Protein backbone atom coordinates (compact mmCIF):
# COMPACT_ATOMS: atom_id res chain seq x y z
CA MET A 1 98.72 57.17 93.23
CA GLU A 2 99.04 58.43 89.66
CA CYS A 3 100.84 61.65 88.81
CA TYR A 4 98.89 63.97 86.52
CA SER A 5 100.19 66.95 84.64
CA VAL A 6 98.27 70.08 85.62
CA ARG A 7 98.58 73.50 83.99
CA THR A 8 99.98 76.19 86.28
CA THR A 9 97.53 79.06 86.82
CA SER A 10 97.23 82.10 89.05
CA LEU A 11 96.15 79.80 91.88
CA SER A 12 99.89 79.11 92.20
CA GLY A 13 100.55 82.84 92.66
CA GLY A 14 101.72 82.28 96.24
CA ALA A 15 104.99 80.91 94.82
CA LEU A 16 105.54 84.26 93.10
CA VAL A 17 104.79 86.16 96.29
CA ARG A 18 107.18 84.07 98.37
CA ALA A 19 109.98 84.32 95.79
CA ALA A 20 109.51 88.07 95.48
CA LEU A 21 109.64 88.56 99.26
CA LEU A 22 112.80 86.46 99.54
CA SER A 23 114.44 88.47 96.75
CA HIS A 24 114.66 91.57 98.99
CA PRO A 25 117.75 91.47 101.25
CA ALA A 26 116.08 93.36 104.14
CA ILE A 27 113.32 90.74 104.23
CA ARG A 28 115.49 87.69 103.55
CA ASP A 29 118.02 88.67 106.23
CA SER A 30 115.48 89.73 108.89
CA VAL A 31 112.56 87.32 109.08
CA THR A 32 112.78 83.86 110.58
CA ARG A 33 110.18 82.36 108.20
CA ILE A 34 107.68 83.26 105.50
CA PHE A 35 104.51 81.18 105.78
CA PRO A 36 101.65 80.57 103.36
CA VAL A 37 98.18 81.11 104.87
CA ALA A 38 98.80 80.17 108.54
CA VAL A 39 101.51 80.07 111.18
CA PRO A 40 101.85 76.75 113.00
CA GLU A 41 104.46 78.12 115.42
CA ALA A 42 107.10 80.77 114.86
CA THR A 43 109.65 83.09 116.37
CA LEU A 44 109.33 86.81 115.65
CA PRO A 45 109.87 88.38 113.16
CA TYR A 46 108.01 86.44 110.46
CA MET A 47 105.64 86.99 107.54
CA VAL A 48 102.45 85.31 106.36
CA TYR A 49 100.90 85.65 102.91
CA ARG A 50 97.50 84.54 101.67
CA ARG A 51 95.32 85.02 98.61
CA THR A 52 92.12 86.80 99.62
CA ALA A 53 90.53 87.19 96.18
CA MET A 54 90.90 86.35 92.51
CA GLN A 55 89.29 88.17 89.59
CA PRO A 56 89.60 86.15 86.38
CA VAL A 57 89.45 87.77 82.94
CA ALA A 58 89.14 85.22 80.14
CA TRP A 59 90.55 85.84 76.66
CA LYS A 60 89.68 83.80 73.58
CA SER A 61 93.24 83.81 72.29
CA HIS A 62 95.37 82.83 75.29
CA GLY A 63 93.49 81.66 78.36
CA SER A 64 93.12 84.22 81.12
CA ASP A 65 94.75 87.13 82.90
CA ASP A 66 93.78 87.10 86.55
CA THR A 67 94.13 89.72 89.25
CA LEU A 68 94.99 88.27 92.64
CA THR A 69 94.52 90.14 95.88
CA VAL A 70 97.12 89.01 98.40
CA GLU A 71 97.48 89.97 102.03
CA ILE A 72 100.99 90.02 103.51
CA THR A 73 101.18 90.13 107.29
CA VAL A 74 104.42 91.23 108.96
CA CYS A 75 104.76 90.28 112.66
CA THR A 76 107.56 91.76 114.77
CA ALA A 77 108.52 92.35 118.39
CA ALA A 78 109.29 96.05 117.78
CA TYR A 79 107.07 98.56 115.99
CA ASP A 80 109.92 100.24 114.05
CA GLU A 81 111.13 96.88 112.76
CA GLY A 82 107.64 96.09 111.46
CA VAL A 83 107.37 99.41 109.64
CA ARG A 84 110.82 98.88 108.10
CA LEU A 85 109.81 95.44 106.84
CA ALA A 86 106.48 96.78 105.57
CA GLU A 87 108.44 99.40 103.60
CA ALA A 88 110.54 96.58 102.12
CA VAL A 89 107.34 94.75 101.12
CA ARG A 90 106.18 97.94 99.42
CA GLU A 91 109.48 98.17 97.51
CA VAL A 92 109.00 94.61 96.29
CA PHE A 93 105.41 94.98 95.09
CA ASP A 94 104.73 98.63 94.25
CA GLY A 95 104.49 98.73 90.43
CA THR A 96 106.80 95.81 89.72
CA GLN A 97 106.82 92.73 87.50
CA ILE A 98 107.69 89.35 89.01
CA GLU A 99 109.01 86.19 87.37
CA ILE A 100 110.62 83.12 88.91
CA PRO A 101 112.55 80.40 87.05
CA GLU A 102 110.78 77.59 88.93
CA LEU A 103 107.41 78.57 87.39
CA PRO A 104 108.12 79.93 83.90
CA ALA A 105 104.41 79.69 82.96
CA LEU A 106 103.46 82.12 85.73
CA ARG A 107 104.34 85.79 85.49
CA ALA A 108 103.14 88.85 87.36
CA ARG A 109 102.76 91.65 84.83
CA ARG A 110 102.11 94.29 87.45
CA SER A 111 101.66 94.52 91.17
CA SER A 112 100.53 97.40 93.35
CA ILE A 113 99.79 98.19 96.97
CA VAL A 114 96.06 98.75 97.53
CA ASP A 115 95.79 98.96 101.33
CA ALA A 116 97.75 98.80 104.57
CA CYS A 117 96.84 98.73 108.24
CA GLU A 118 98.49 97.94 111.55
CA THR A 119 97.59 96.48 114.91
CA TYR A 120 99.08 94.87 118.01
CA GLU A 121 98.12 91.37 119.10
CA ALA A 122 99.60 88.56 121.22
CA ASP A 123 102.87 90.43 121.95
CA ALA A 124 103.47 91.29 118.27
CA TYR A 125 103.26 94.45 116.22
CA ILE A 126 101.44 93.60 113.02
CA GLN A 127 101.62 95.36 109.66
CA ILE A 128 99.12 94.12 107.05
CA ILE A 129 99.81 95.07 103.44
CA THR A 130 97.27 94.24 100.72
CA ILE A 131 98.47 93.99 97.13
CA ASN A 132 96.91 93.36 93.74
CA ILE A 133 98.91 91.26 91.30
CA LYS A 134 97.98 90.91 87.62
CA ILE A 135 98.97 87.38 86.61
CA GLN A 136 99.53 86.38 83.00
């Protein structure tokens, strides 16, 4: 199979989300895993992130600036622990810029919390935080 060079775009934004989550000590030291999209099998507490929407804005001069909507799900055995981790997620994404060395072509100019809800399912307290990320 041939290897092709492909330009990195906002579709790779999950790498930014994961790196940003792992940059916060309360998250890094508490969760067992951080999964993209789905959880094959896991031990509480863990997080799942997934892109739920993308709004592209094309520019003649430099490609596009996209806004991604990403849902981060925090699953814990105890309610208070889930709220604490949700607060850490908010610290990471509320009004911040995100860059990671592994993907220098991908940069989040601004991120913000747009929604949050909670539920209980299958013996887990669940916090769902929705964020918008402007990717450049």
